[in-house]
Amino acid sequence: MKEMTGIIDSLLESKEELFFRPLPQYPSVDRDLALLLGLGVSSEDVISKIVEAGGGLLKEISIFDVYEGDEIPDQKISLGIRMRFQSFERTLTDAEVDIGVEKIVRNLAEDLSVQQRL
């Protein structure tokens, strides 16, 4: 209990502004993509294009895997991306999320020559 009091005291003494977000009423939907990209394409470029194409329903992006190896062509790497979609107004349908993912994959292919690894 003494430890908890110390944590609360340090939060109250902190000069940083604290804010709280209410818990979302509607569930999020996660989708993973495995992407093949050339060595000249940075992960920052990929994430930037995903944000650009993802629209307002895309809430989070993370890289969970980087792989070079036997099943990957020369001069390419595989990048595993996890995307979280969510609306604060309604539950998303699979079809809505699928449309968003298809747009992301299409834009990555057109703008960065990144391919989806199936």
Protein backbone atom coordinates (compact mmCIF):
# COMPACT_ATOMS: atom_id res chain seq x y z
CA MET A 1 0.00 0.00 0.00
CA LYS A 2 2.89 2.33 0.77
CA GLU A 3 4.18 1.87 -2.82
CA MET A 4 0.79 2.88 -4.25
CA THR A 5 0.76 6.04 -2.12
CA GLY A 6 4.22 6.94 -3.45
CA ILE A 7 3.05 6.49 -7.05
CA ILE A 8 -0.01 8.66 -6.48
CA ASP A 9 2.09 11.34 -4.75
CA SER A 10 4.57 11.49 -7.65
CA LEU A 11 1.72 11.78 -10.16
CA LEU A 12 0.21 14.66 -8.20
CA GLU A 13 3.58 16.43 -7.93
CA SER A 14 4.38 15.99 -11.61
CA LYS A 15 4.61 19.14 -13.69
CA GLU A 16 3.38 17.27 -16.77
CA GLU A 17 -0.19 17.79 -17.80
CA LEU A 18 -2.11 14.56 -17.45
CA PHE A 19 -5.12 13.71 -19.57
CA PHE A 20 -7.44 10.80 -19.73
CA ARG A 21 -9.37 9.40 -22.64
CA PRO A 22 -12.62 7.60 -22.06
CA LEU A 23 -12.64 3.92 -22.93
CA PRO A 24 -14.05 3.36 -26.41
CA GLN A 25 -17.61 2.16 -26.55
CA TYR A 26 -17.06 0.24 -29.80
CA PRO A 27 -14.50 -2.52 -30.44
CA SER A 28 -11.38 -2.12 -32.52
CA VAL A 29 -10.42 -4.42 -35.40
CA ASP A 30 -6.81 -5.49 -35.95
CA ARG A 31 -5.44 -6.54 -39.33
CA ASP A 32 -1.95 -7.79 -40.11
CA LEU A 33 -0.13 -7.37 -43.40
CA ALA A 34 3.07 -9.05 -44.53
CA LEU A 35 4.74 -6.79 -47.07
CA LEU A 36 7.65 -7.32 -49.47
CA LEU A 37 9.69 -4.21 -50.00
CA GLY A 38 12.91 -3.37 -51.73
CA LEU A 39 15.96 -2.53 -49.66
CA GLY A 40 15.68 1.12 -50.73
CA VAL A 41 12.23 1.54 -49.17
CA SER A 42 12.25 2.59 -45.53
CA SER A 43 9.79 1.47 -42.91
CA GLU A 44 9.07 5.16 -42.28
CA ASP A 45 7.98 5.55 -45.90
CA VAL A 46 5.71 2.51 -45.60
CA ILE A 47 4.11 3.76 -42.37
CA SER A 48 3.65 7.23 -43.83
CA LYS A 49 1.81 5.78 -46.85
CA ILE A 50 -0.33 3.58 -44.60
CA VAL A 51 -1.35 6.60 -42.51
CA GLU A 52 -2.09 8.58 -45.68
CA ALA A 53 -4.27 5.83 -47.18
CA GLY A 54 -5.80 4.54 -43.93
CA GLY A 55 -8.16 7.42 -43.30
CA GLY A 56 -9.82 8.37 -40.06
CA LEU A 57 -10.64 4.82 -38.99
CA LEU A 58 -6.97 3.80 -38.75
CA LYS A 59 -5.95 4.42 -35.14
CA GLU A 60 -2.65 2.55 -34.63
CA ILE A 61 0.16 1.01 -36.67
CA SER A 62 3.02 -1.13 -35.43
CA ILE A 63 5.78 -3.18 -36.97
CA PHE A 64 5.85 -6.65 -35.46
CA ASP A 65 8.28 -8.47 -37.76
CA VAL A 66 11.20 -7.85 -40.09
CA TYR A 67 12.47 -10.87 -41.99
CA GLU A 68 15.12 -11.62 -44.58
CA GLY A 69 15.70 -15.22 -45.48
CA ASP A 70 15.01 -18.30 -47.53
CA GLU A 71 11.54 -17.50 -48.82
CA ILE A 72 12.25 -13.81 -49.47
CA PRO A 73 13.64 -12.76 -52.88
CA ASP A 74 17.10 -11.17 -53.08
CA GLN A 75 17.20 -7.45 -52.39
CA LYS A 76 13.85 -7.63 -50.56
CA ILE A 77 12.72 -7.80 -46.95
CA SER A 78 9.44 -8.85 -45.41
CA LEU A 79 7.85 -6.36 -43.04
CA GLY A 80 5.00 -7.42 -40.74
CA ILE A 81 2.58 -4.57 -40.00
CA ARG A 82 -0.33 -4.60 -37.53
CA MET A 83 -3.04 -2.00 -38.04
CA ARG A 84 -5.87 -1.15 -35.65
CA PHE A 85 -9.09 0.30 -37.01
CA GLN A 86 -11.81 1.80 -34.86
CA SER A 87 -14.78 4.11 -34.97
CA PHE A 88 -15.96 6.03 -31.93
CA GLU A 89 -19.45 6.20 -33.42
CA ARG A 90 -20.27 2.60 -34.36
CA THR A 91 -18.99 -0.96 -34.66
CA LEU A 92 -17.06 -1.41 -37.89
CA THR A 93 -18.00 -4.18 -40.28
CA ASP A 94 -15.43 -6.53 -41.80
CA ALA A 95 -16.33 -5.09 -45.22
CA GLU A 96 -15.45 -1.54 -44.10
CA VAL A 97 -12.09 -2.65 -42.74
CA ASP A 98 -11.41 -4.76 -45.85
CA ILE A 99 -11.98 -1.71 -48.07
CA GLY A 100 -9.49 0.28 -46.00
CA VAL A 101 -6.87 -2.48 -46.13
CA GLU A 102 -7.32 -2.90 -49.90
CA LYS A 103 -6.79 0.84 -50.38
CA ILE A 104 -3.63 0.71 -48.26
CA VAL A 105 -2.23 -2.27 -50.22
CA ARG A 106 -3.06 -0.60 -53.55
CA ASN A 107 -1.40 2.70 -52.56
CA LEU A 108 1.71 0.93 -51.27
CA ALA A 109 2.03 -0.95 -54.57
CA GLU A 110 1.47 2.16 -56.71
CA ASP A 111 3.61 4.61 -54.74
CA LEU A 112 6.42 2.44 -53.31
CA SER A 113 6.31 -0.80 -55.36
CA VAL A 114 5.57 -2.68 -52.13
CA GLN A 115 3.81 -6.02 -52.57
CA GLN A 116 1.57 -7.87 -50.18
CA ARG A 117 3.15 -11.18 -49.18
CA LEU A 118 0.51 -13.89 -49.16
